[in-house]
Amino acid sequence: MRADVHRAVIDLLGSKSWDELGIPLVAERSGVHQATIYRRWRTISGLIDDVVTEQLARSSPVPDTGSLRGDLEGWAVKAAEDVSGPLGIVFLRAAVLATRTGEESGQRSYMVERGAQLRAMFERAVERGERPPSMGDLLEVVLAPLYFHALFFNRPAGAAHARALVARLLVLSELAPQLDSE
């Protein structure tokens, strides 16, 4: 049932406007009764959140290469690929819209899950004696530019650009202690 509903959401996000997307349409497309969908996900935002969480978990695990640079580059390159994929923009726009609905407070579950995975990557780096960046810096220096390219330039940033963003992040992370002491 969950797979049918998810497949329906993905199909609809690719073919309908945001205003047209709703649980009744998902129910019709999936063959799952509306009441079941409402009971499980409550809102279309909750349903989209679940779809995005599932897609990220399945297609984009956070890598463990044995080095902070390798992990960050692998993650950034995969993020760039995901955003440039056939459903990347659709999911990115869905995620942006879902966070603006005001239906639920707090972070979306895919943000919480991804944050936990990235924190685990940082903890591994610390255990190896490496100094990871802050989560905020990672989001601002690497992820935001990748999303910006996809949303506003209508073209993906690409693997080389993703690696360059990681290099910039690592330089900034090394400079941060020096700047704090000045």
N, C-alpha and C. Protein backbone atom coordinates (compact mmCIF):
# COMPACT_ATOMS: atom_id res chain seq x y z
N MET A 1 0.81 -1.18 0.00
CA MET A 1 0.00 0.00 0.00
C MET A 1 0.87 1.26 0.00
N ARG A 2 1.87 1.32 0.88
CA ARG A 2 2.74 2.49 0.95
C ARG A 2 3.44 2.73 -0.37
N ALA A 3 3.94 1.66 -0.98
CA ALA A 3 4.63 1.79 -2.27
C ALA A 3 3.68 2.32 -3.34
N ASP A 4 2.44 1.86 -3.34
CA ASP A 4 1.46 2.33 -4.32
C ASP A 4 1.18 3.82 -4.15
N VAL A 5 1.03 4.24 -2.91
CA VAL A 5 0.77 5.65 -2.63
C VAL A 5 2.00 6.49 -3.01
N HIS A 6 3.19 6.03 -2.65
CA HIS A 6 4.40 6.76 -3.01
C HIS A 6 4.54 6.89 -4.52
N ARG A 7 4.31 5.80 -5.23
CA ARG A 7 4.41 5.82 -6.69
C ARG A 7 3.41 6.83 -7.27
N ALA A 8 2.22 6.86 -6.72
CA ALA A 8 1.20 7.81 -7.18
C ALA A 8 1.65 9.25 -6.95
N VAL A 9 2.22 9.52 -5.79
CA VAL A 9 2.70 10.88 -5.49
C VAL A 9 3.79 11.27 -6.48
N ILE A 10 4.74 10.38 -6.71
CA ILE A 10 5.83 10.68 -7.64
C ILE A 10 5.28 10.94 -9.04
N ASP A 11 4.36 10.11 -9.49
CA ASP A 11 3.75 10.32 -10.81
C ASP A 11 3.03 11.66 -10.88
N LEU A 12 2.27 11.95 -9.84
CA LEU A 12 1.50 13.19 -9.84
C LEU A 12 2.39 14.42 -9.75
N LEU A 13 3.46 14.36 -8.96
CA LEU A 13 4.37 15.50 -8.86
C LEU A 13 5.02 15.81 -10.21
N GLY A 14 5.16 14.80 -11.03
CA GLY A 14 5.75 15.01 -12.35
C GLY A 14 4.77 15.49 -13.40
N SER A 15 3.47 15.40 -13.11
CA SER A 15 2.50 15.72 -14.16
C SER A 15 1.44 16.76 -13.77
N LYS A 16 1.35 17.11 -12.52
CA LYS A 16 0.30 18.04 -12.07
C LYS A 16 0.92 19.28 -11.45
N SER A 17 0.14 20.35 -11.42
CA SER A 17 0.60 21.55 -10.73
C SER A 17 0.46 21.32 -9.22
N TRP A 18 1.17 22.13 -8.46
CA TRP A 18 1.13 21.98 -7.00
C TRP A 18 -0.29 22.16 -6.47
N ASP A 19 -1.02 23.08 -7.06
CA ASP A 19 -2.38 23.36 -6.59
C ASP A 19 -3.32 22.18 -6.82
N GLU A 20 -3.02 21.37 -7.82
CA GLU A 20 -3.88 20.22 -8.13
C GLU A 20 -3.60 19.02 -7.23
N LEU A 21 -2.43 18.97 -6.63
CA LEU A 21 -2.04 17.82 -5.84
C LEU A 21 -2.81 17.79 -4.52
N GLY A 22 -3.43 16.67 -4.25
CA GLY A 22 -4.19 16.51 -3.02
C GLY A 22 -4.40 15.04 -2.73
N ILE A 23 -4.81 14.75 -1.54
CA ILE A 23 -5.03 13.36 -1.14
C ILE A 23 -6.10 12.67 -2.00
N PRO A 24 -7.20 13.34 -2.35
CA PRO A 24 -8.17 12.66 -3.21
C PRO A 24 -7.56 12.20 -4.55
N LEU A 25 -6.71 13.02 -5.14
CA LEU A 25 -6.07 12.66 -6.40
C LEU A 25 -5.08 11.52 -6.21
N VAL A 26 -4.33 11.56 -5.10
CA VAL A 26 -3.41 10.47 -4.78
C VAL A 26 -4.18 9.17 -4.57
N ALA A 27 -5.29 9.25 -3.88
CA ALA A 27 -6.12 8.05 -3.64
C ALA A 27 -6.61 7.47 -4.95
N GLU A 28 -7.09 8.34 -5.83
CA GLU A 28 -7.57 7.87 -7.13
C GLU A 28 -6.45 7.21 -7.92
N ARG A 29 -5.29 7.83 -7.96
CA ARG A 29 -4.17 7.30 -8.75
C ARG A 29 -3.62 6.01 -8.15
N SER A 30 -3.58 5.93 -6.83
CA SER A 30 -2.95 4.78 -6.17
C SER A 30 -3.89 3.59 -5.99
N GLY A 31 -5.19 3.86 -5.98
CA GLY A 31 -6.15 2.79 -5.69
C GLY A 31 -6.30 2.53 -4.20
N VAL A 32 -5.74 3.39 -3.38
CA VAL A 32 -5.84 3.28 -1.93
C VAL A 32 -6.91 4.27 -1.46
N HIS A 33 -7.78 3.84 -0.59
CA HIS A 33 -8.89 4.68 -0.14
C HIS A 33 -8.38 5.94 0.55
N GLN A 34 -9.08 7.05 0.31
CA GLN A 34 -8.71 8.34 0.91
C GLN A 34 -8.59 8.25 2.43
N ALA A 35 -9.54 7.58 3.06
CA ALA A 35 -9.52 7.49 4.53
C ALA A 35 -8.24 6.83 5.02
N THR A 36 -7.76 5.84 4.29
CA THR A 36 -6.51 5.17 4.67
C THR A 36 -5.34 6.13 4.57
N ILE A 37 -5.32 6.91 3.50
CA ILE A 37 -4.23 7.87 3.31
C ILE A 37 -4.30 8.96 4.38
N TYR A 38 -5.50 9.48 4.64
CA TYR A 38 -5.64 10.49 5.69
C TYR A 38 -5.23 9.94 7.05
N ARG A 39 -5.63 8.71 7.35
CA ARG A 39 -5.31 8.11 8.65
C ARG A 39 -3.79 7.96 8.81
N ARG A 40 -3.10 7.54 7.75
CA ARG A 40 -1.67 7.28 7.83
C ARG A 40 -0.84 8.56 7.78
N TRP A 41 -1.17 9.50 6.85
CA TRP A 41 -0.30 10.67 6.62
C TRP A 41 -0.94 11.99 7.05
N ARG A 42 -2.21 12.03 7.28
CA ARG A 42 -2.96 13.19 7.75
C ARG A 42 -3.09 14.32 6.73
N THR A 43 -1.98 14.72 6.10
CA THR A 43 -2.01 15.84 5.16
C THR A 43 -1.17 15.49 3.93
N ILE A 44 -1.35 16.25 2.87
CA ILE A 44 -0.53 16.05 1.68
C ILE A 44 0.93 16.39 2.00
N SER A 45 1.17 17.36 2.87
CA SER A 45 2.54 17.69 3.27
C SER A 45 3.19 16.53 4.00
N GLY A 46 2.43 15.87 4.89
CA GLY A 46 2.96 14.72 5.60
C GLY A 46 3.28 13.58 4.65
N LEU A 47 2.44 13.41 3.65
CA LEU A 47 2.67 12.37 2.65
C LEU A 47 3.91 12.68 1.81
N ILE A 48 4.05 13.91 1.35
CA ILE A 48 5.22 14.30 0.56
C ILE A 48 6.48 14.15 1.40
N ASP A 49 6.40 14.51 2.66
CA ASP A 49 7.53 14.36 3.57
C ASP A 49 7.97 12.89 3.63
N ASP A 50 7.02 11.99 3.73
CA ASP A 50 7.33 10.56 3.79
C ASP A 50 7.95 10.08 2.48
N VAL A 51 7.45 10.55 1.36
CA VAL A 51 8.00 10.17 0.05
C VAL A 51 9.44 10.64 -0.08
N VAL A 52 9.69 11.90 0.28
CA VAL A 52 11.05 12.45 0.18
C VAL A 52 12.00 11.70 1.11
N THR A 53 11.56 11.41 2.34
CA THR A 53 12.39 10.66 3.30
C THR A 53 12.76 9.30 2.73
N GLU A 54 11.80 8.61 2.18
CA GLU A 54 12.04 7.28 1.61
C GLU A 54 12.99 7.36 0.42
N GLN A 55 12.79 8.32 -0.44
CA GLN A 55 13.67 8.48 -1.61
C GLN A 55 15.11 8.75 -1.18
N LEU A 56 15.30 9.64 -0.23
CA LEU A 56 16.66 9.95 0.24
C LEU A 56 17.32 8.73 0.86
N ALA A 57 16.58 8.01 1.69
CA ALA A 57 17.15 6.84 2.36
C ALA A 57 17.56 5.78 1.35
N ARG A 58 16.75 5.62 0.31
CA ARG A 58 17.01 4.58 -0.67
C ARG A 58 18.09 4.97 -1.66
N SER A 59 18.07 6.21 -2.13
CA SER A 59 18.96 6.58 -3.23
C SER A 59 20.22 7.32 -2.80
N SER A 60 20.26 7.85 -1.60
CA SER A 60 21.38 8.72 -1.22
C SER A 60 21.91 8.47 0.19
N PRO A 61 22.40 7.27 0.47
CA PRO A 61 22.98 7.09 1.80
C PRO A 61 24.23 7.95 1.96
N VAL A 62 24.49 8.40 3.17
CA VAL A 62 25.69 9.19 3.44
C VAL A 62 26.89 8.23 3.39
N PRO A 63 27.91 8.56 2.60
CA PRO A 63 29.03 7.63 2.43
C PRO A 63 29.94 7.54 3.65
N ASP A 64 30.70 6.46 3.71
CA ASP A 64 31.74 6.28 4.72
C ASP A 64 33.00 5.81 3.98
N THR A 65 33.80 6.78 3.53
CA THR A 65 34.97 6.48 2.71
C THR A 65 36.25 6.34 3.52
N GLY A 66 36.19 6.71 4.79
CA GLY A 66 37.38 6.65 5.63
C GLY A 66 38.06 7.99 5.80
N SER A 67 37.57 9.02 5.13
CA SER A 67 38.12 10.37 5.32
C SER A 67 36.99 11.39 5.23
N LEU A 68 37.14 12.48 5.95
CA LEU A 68 36.13 13.53 5.94
C LEU A 68 35.98 14.09 4.53
N ARG A 69 37.08 14.39 3.86
CA ARG A 69 37.00 14.93 2.50
C ARG A 69 36.27 13.95 1.58
N GLY A 70 36.62 12.68 1.65
CA GLY A 70 35.97 11.68 0.80
C GLY A 70 34.49 11.57 1.09
N ASP A 71 34.13 11.57 2.38
CA ASP A 71 32.71 11.48 2.76
C ASP A 71 31.95 12.71 2.25
N LEU A 72 32.52 13.89 2.48
CA LEU A 72 31.84 15.12 2.05
C LEU A 72 31.72 15.19 0.53
N GLU A 73 32.79 14.83 -0.16
CA GLU A 73 32.72 14.86 -1.63
C GLU A 73 31.70 13.86 -2.15
N GLY A 74 31.71 12.64 -1.59
CA GLY A 74 30.73 11.65 -2.02
C GLY A 74 29.32 12.10 -1.78
N TRP A 75 29.09 12.68 -0.62
CA TRP A 75 27.76 13.19 -0.29
C TRP A 75 27.36 14.34 -1.21
N ALA A 76 28.27 15.29 -1.42
CA ALA A 76 27.96 16.46 -2.25
C ALA A 76 27.73 16.07 -3.71
N VAL A 77 28.55 15.19 -4.23
CA VAL A 77 28.37 14.75 -5.62
C VAL A 77 27.03 14.04 -5.77
N LYS A 78 26.69 13.19 -4.82
CA LYS A 78 25.40 12.49 -4.87
C LYS A 78 24.24 13.48 -4.74
N ALA A 79 24.38 14.48 -3.89
CA ALA A 79 23.34 15.50 -3.75
C ALA A 79 23.15 16.24 -5.07
N ALA A 80 24.26 16.58 -5.73
CA ALA A 80 24.18 17.26 -7.03
C ALA A 80 23.51 16.36 -8.06
N GLU A 81 23.84 15.08 -8.05
CA GLU A 81 23.21 14.13 -8.99
C GLU A 81 21.72 13.99 -8.70
N ASP A 82 21.37 13.89 -7.42
CA ASP A 82 19.97 13.73 -7.05
C ASP A 82 19.14 14.92 -7.52
N VAL A 83 19.67 16.11 -7.32
CA VAL A 83 18.94 17.31 -7.72
C VAL A 83 18.82 17.40 -9.23
N SER A 84 19.80 16.86 -9.95
CA SER A 84 19.76 16.94 -11.41
C SER A 84 19.01 15.77 -12.04
N GLY A 85 18.62 14.79 -11.24
CA GLY A 85 17.90 13.63 -11.76
C GLY A 85 16.49 14.01 -12.20
N PRO A 86 15.80 13.08 -12.81
CA PRO A 86 14.48 13.38 -13.37
C PRO A 86 13.47 13.88 -12.34
N LEU A 87 13.59 13.42 -11.11
CA LEU A 87 12.65 13.87 -10.08
C LEU A 87 13.29 14.82 -9.07
N GLY A 88 14.55 15.15 -9.27
CA GLY A 88 15.25 15.99 -8.31
C GLY A 88 14.59 17.33 -8.06
N ILE A 89 14.30 18.04 -9.12
CA ILE A 89 13.66 19.35 -8.98
C ILE A 89 12.26 19.19 -8.41
N VAL A 90 11.57 18.15 -8.83
CA VAL A 90 10.22 17.91 -8.32
C VAL A 90 10.26 17.73 -6.81
N PHE A 91 11.20 16.89 -6.32
CA PHE A 91 11.29 16.66 -4.87
C PHE A 91 11.78 17.91 -4.14
N LEU A 92 12.70 18.62 -4.74
CA LEU A 92 13.20 19.83 -4.10
C LEU A 92 12.08 20.86 -3.95
N ARG A 93 11.32 21.05 -5.00
CA ARG A 93 10.20 21.99 -4.93
C ARG A 93 9.14 21.51 -3.95
N ALA A 94 8.89 20.21 -3.96
CA ALA A 94 7.91 19.65 -3.01
C ALA A 94 8.37 19.88 -1.58
N ALA A 95 9.65 19.68 -1.33
CA ALA A 95 10.18 19.88 0.02
C ALA A 95 10.06 21.33 0.43
N VAL A 96 10.37 22.24 -0.47
CA VAL A 96 10.27 23.67 -0.17
C VAL A 96 8.82 24.03 0.14
N LEU A 97 7.91 23.58 -0.69
CA LEU A 97 6.51 23.88 -0.45
C LEU A 97 5.99 23.25 0.83
N ALA A 98 6.44 22.04 1.11
CA ALA A 98 5.97 21.36 2.32
C ALA A 98 6.42 22.10 3.57
N THR A 99 7.59 22.70 3.55
CA THR A 99 8.06 23.42 4.74
C THR A 99 7.35 24.74 4.91
N ARG A 100 6.68 25.22 3.89
CA ARG A 100 5.99 26.51 3.97
C ARG A 100 4.52 26.40 4.31
N THR A 101 4.00 25.20 4.42
CA THR A 101 2.55 25.04 4.60
C THR A 101 2.07 25.52 5.96
N GLY A 102 2.92 25.47 6.97
CA GLY A 102 2.51 25.87 8.30
C GLY A 102 1.63 24.85 8.99
N GLU A 103 1.42 23.70 8.35
CA GLU A 103 0.56 22.68 8.95
C GLU A 103 1.21 22.02 10.15
N GLU A 104 2.53 21.91 10.11
CA GLU A 104 3.23 21.24 11.20
C GLU A 104 4.37 22.13 11.65
N SER A 105 4.70 22.07 12.92
CA SER A 105 5.83 22.85 13.39
C SER A 105 7.06 21.96 13.43
N GLY A 106 8.19 22.59 13.48
CA GLY A 106 9.43 21.85 13.56
C GLY A 106 9.94 21.42 12.20
N GLN A 107 11.03 20.66 12.22
CA GLN A 107 11.64 20.23 10.99
C GLN A 107 10.91 19.03 10.40
N ARG A 108 11.03 18.89 9.10
CA ARG A 108 10.46 17.77 8.40
C ARG A 108 11.26 16.52 8.76
N SER A 109 10.65 15.35 8.68
CA SER A 109 11.34 14.13 9.08
C SER A 109 12.54 13.82 8.20
N TYR A 110 12.48 14.16 6.90
CA TYR A 110 13.65 13.91 6.06
C TYR A 110 14.81 14.80 6.47
N MET A 111 14.52 16.01 6.97
CA MET A 111 15.60 16.89 7.44
C MET A 111 16.21 16.34 8.72
N VAL A 112 15.38 15.83 9.60
CA VAL A 112 15.86 15.26 10.86
C VAL A 112 16.71 14.02 10.58
N GLU A 113 16.21 13.15 9.71
CA GLU A 113 16.93 11.92 9.37
C GLU A 113 18.26 12.23 8.70
N ARG A 114 18.24 13.12 7.72
CA ARG A 114 19.49 13.47 7.02
C ARG A 114 20.46 14.15 7.98
N GLY A 115 19.96 14.97 8.87
CA GLY A 115 20.83 15.62 9.86
C GLY A 115 21.51 14.60 10.75
N ALA A 116 20.78 13.57 11.16
CA ALA A 116 21.37 12.51 12.00
C ALA A 116 22.46 11.77 11.23
N GLN A 117 22.23 11.50 9.96
CA GLN A 117 23.23 10.82 9.14
C GLN A 117 24.49 11.67 8.98
N LEU A 118 24.31 12.95 8.75
CA LEU A 118 25.46 13.84 8.58
C LEU A 118 26.23 14.01 9.89
N ARG A 119 25.50 14.08 11.02
CA ARG A 119 26.18 14.16 12.31
C ARG A 119 27.01 12.91 12.57
N ALA A 120 26.50 11.75 12.14
CA ALA A 120 27.27 10.51 12.28
C ALA A 120 28.54 10.58 11.44
N MET A 121 28.46 11.16 10.25
CA MET A 121 29.64 11.35 9.41
C MET A 121 30.65 12.24 10.14
N PHE A 122 30.18 13.31 10.75
CA PHE A 122 31.07 14.21 11.48
C PHE A 122 31.70 13.51 12.69
N GLU A 123 30.90 12.69 13.39
CA GLU A 123 31.43 11.96 14.55
C GLU A 123 32.52 10.98 14.13
N ARG A 124 32.35 10.32 13.00
CA ARG A 124 33.40 9.43 12.49
C ARG A 124 34.67 10.22 12.20
N ALA A 125 34.50 11.41 11.66
CA ALA A 125 35.66 12.25 11.34
C ALA A 125 36.40 12.64 12.63
N VAL A 126 35.67 13.00 13.65
CA VAL A 126 36.28 13.37 14.93
C VAL A 126 37.04 12.18 15.51
N GLU A 127 36.45 10.99 15.43
CA GLU A 127 37.12 9.78 15.93
C GLU A 127 38.42 9.51 15.19
N ARG A 128 38.51 9.92 13.93
CA ARG A 128 39.74 9.75 13.15
C ARG A 128 40.72 10.89 13.37
N GLY A 129 40.32 11.88 14.19
CA GLY A 129 41.19 13.01 14.45
C GLY A 129 41.02 14.16 13.47
N GLU A 130 39.99 14.11 12.67
CA GLU A 130 39.72 15.18 11.72
C GLU A 130 38.78 16.22 12.35
N ARG A 131 38.78 17.41 11.81
CA ARG A 131 37.94 18.49 12.33
C ARG A 131 36.83 18.81 11.34
N PRO A 132 35.63 18.32 11.59
CA PRO A 132 34.53 18.56 10.65
C PRO A 132 34.01 19.99 10.75
N PRO A 133 33.35 20.44 9.70
CA PRO A 133 32.72 21.77 9.74
C PRO A 133 31.46 21.70 10.59
N SER A 134 30.86 22.85 10.82
CA SER A 134 29.56 22.85 11.50
C SER A 134 28.48 22.44 10.49
N MET A 135 27.37 21.97 10.99
CA MET A 135 26.26 21.60 10.13
C MET A 135 25.77 22.81 9.35
N GLY A 136 25.71 23.94 10.01
CA GLY A 136 25.29 25.17 9.33
C GLY A 136 26.19 25.53 8.16
N ASP A 137 27.51 25.42 8.38
CA ASP A 137 28.44 25.72 7.29
C ASP A 137 28.27 24.73 6.14
N LEU A 138 28.07 23.46 6.45
CA LEU A 138 27.86 22.46 5.40
C LEU A 138 26.63 22.82 4.56
N LEU A 139 25.56 23.19 5.22
CA LEU A 139 24.34 23.53 4.50
C LEU A 139 24.50 24.80 3.68
N GLU A 140 25.14 25.81 4.27
CA GLU A 140 25.28 27.10 3.59
C GLU A 140 26.31 27.09 2.47
N VAL A 141 27.42 26.39 2.67
CA VAL A 141 28.52 26.45 1.72
C VAL A 141 28.39 25.38 0.62
N VAL A 142 27.79 24.26 0.94
CA VAL A 142 27.71 23.18 -0.05
C VAL A 142 26.28 22.97 -0.56
N LEU A 143 25.35 22.67 0.33
CA LEU A 143 24.02 22.27 -0.11
C LEU A 143 23.23 23.43 -0.73
N ALA A 144 23.25 24.58 -0.09
CA ALA A 144 22.47 25.72 -0.62
C ALA A 144 22.88 26.08 -2.05
N PRO A 145 24.17 26.16 -2.37
CA PRO A 145 24.51 26.46 -3.77
C PRO A 145 24.05 25.38 -4.76
N LEU A 146 24.10 24.12 -4.35
CA LEU A 146 23.62 23.05 -5.23
C LEU A 146 22.13 23.22 -5.52
N TYR A 147 21.36 23.50 -4.48
CA TYR A 147 19.92 23.71 -4.65
C TYR A 147 19.65 24.98 -5.46
N PHE A 148 20.43 26.02 -5.19
CA PHE A 148 20.26 27.29 -5.90
C PHE A 148 20.44 27.09 -7.40
N HIS A 149 21.48 26.37 -7.77
CA HIS A 149 21.72 26.09 -9.20
C HIS A 149 20.53 25.37 -9.81
N ALA A 150 20.05 24.38 -9.12
CA ALA A 150 18.94 23.58 -9.66
C ALA A 150 17.65 24.39 -9.77
N LEU A 151 17.36 25.18 -8.75
CA LEU A 151 16.10 25.92 -8.73
C LEU A 151 16.10 27.16 -9.61
N PHE A 152 17.21 27.90 -9.62
CA PHE A 152 17.19 29.20 -10.28
C PHE A 152 17.95 29.25 -11.60
N PHE A 153 18.89 28.35 -11.79
CA PHE A 153 19.61 28.31 -13.07
C PHE A 153 19.07 27.22 -13.97
N ASN A 154 18.18 26.38 -13.44
CA ASN A 154 17.61 25.25 -14.18
C ASN A 154 18.68 24.36 -14.80
N ARG A 155 19.80 24.25 -14.11
CA ARG A 155 20.85 23.34 -14.54
C ARG A 155 21.58 22.86 -13.30
N PRO A 156 21.99 21.61 -13.32
CA PRO A 156 22.68 21.08 -12.14
C PRO A 156 24.09 21.68 -12.01
N ALA A 157 24.57 21.68 -10.80
CA ALA A 157 25.91 22.20 -10.54
C ALA A 157 26.97 21.22 -11.03
N GLY A 158 26.73 19.94 -10.98
CA GLY A 158 27.69 18.95 -11.45
C GLY A 158 28.68 18.52 -10.39
N ALA A 159 29.35 17.40 -10.67
CA ALA A 159 30.28 16.78 -9.71
C ALA A 159 31.48 17.69 -9.43
N ALA A 160 32.04 18.30 -10.46
CA ALA A 160 33.21 19.16 -10.26
C ALA A 160 32.86 20.35 -9.38
N HIS A 161 31.71 20.93 -9.60
CA HIS A 161 31.28 22.06 -8.77
C HIS A 161 31.04 21.61 -7.33
N ALA A 162 30.43 20.44 -7.17
CA ALA A 162 30.17 19.91 -5.83
C ALA A 162 31.49 19.71 -5.08
N ARG A 163 32.49 19.16 -5.75
CA ARG A 163 33.80 18.96 -5.11
C ARG A 163 34.46 20.30 -4.77
N ALA A 164 34.30 21.29 -5.65
CA ALA A 164 34.86 22.62 -5.37
C ALA A 164 34.19 23.25 -4.15
N LEU A 165 32.90 23.04 -3.99
CA LEU A 165 32.20 23.56 -2.82
C LEU A 165 32.71 22.89 -1.54
N VAL A 166 32.98 21.59 -1.61
CA VAL A 166 33.52 20.88 -0.45
C VAL A 166 34.91 21.43 -0.13
N ALA A 167 35.74 21.66 -1.13
CA ALA A 167 37.08 22.22 -0.91
C ALA A 167 36.97 23.58 -0.23
N ARG A 168 36.03 24.40 -0.67
CA ARG A 168 35.81 25.72 -0.06
C ARG A 168 35.39 25.56 1.40
N LEU A 169 34.50 24.61 1.66
CA LEU A 169 34.04 24.35 3.02
C LEU A 169 35.19 23.95 3.92
N LEU A 170 36.04 23.07 3.44
CA LEU A 170 37.17 22.60 4.25
C LEU A 170 38.16 23.72 4.53
N VAL A 171 38.38 24.59 3.57
CA VAL A 171 39.25 25.75 3.81
C VAL A 171 38.63 26.65 4.86
N LEU A 172 37.34 26.92 4.74
CA LEU A 172 36.66 27.75 5.74
C LEU A 172 36.70 27.12 7.12
N SER A 173 36.57 25.80 7.18
CA SER A 173 36.62 25.10 8.47
C SER A 173 37.99 25.23 9.12
N GLU A 174 39.03 25.22 8.31
CA GLU A 174 40.39 25.39 8.84
C GLU A 174 40.63 26.82 9.30
N LEU A 175 40.01 27.78 8.63
CA LEU A 175 40.19 29.18 8.99
C LEU A 175 39.37 29.59 10.21
N ALA A 176 38.29 28.89 10.48
CA ALA A 176 37.37 29.28 11.55
C ALA A 176 38.06 29.46 12.90
N PRO A 177 38.92 28.53 13.35
CA PRO A 177 39.57 28.73 14.65
C PRO A 177 40.46 29.98 14.68
N GLN A 178 41.10 30.26 13.57
CA GLN A 178 41.97 31.41 13.50
C GLN A 178 41.14 32.71 13.57
N LEU A 179 40.02 32.71 12.91
CA LEU A 179 39.16 33.89 12.91
C LEU A 179 38.53 34.10 14.28
N ASP A 180 38.21 32.99 14.97
CA ASP A 180 37.61 33.10 16.31
C ASP A 180 38.59 33.69 17.31
N SER A 181 39.87 33.46 17.12
CA SER A 181 40.85 33.93 18.10
C SER A 181 41.28 35.38 17.85
N GLU A 182 40.91 35.92 16.71
CA GLU A 182 41.32 37.32 16.41
C GLU A 182 40.44 38.33 17.08
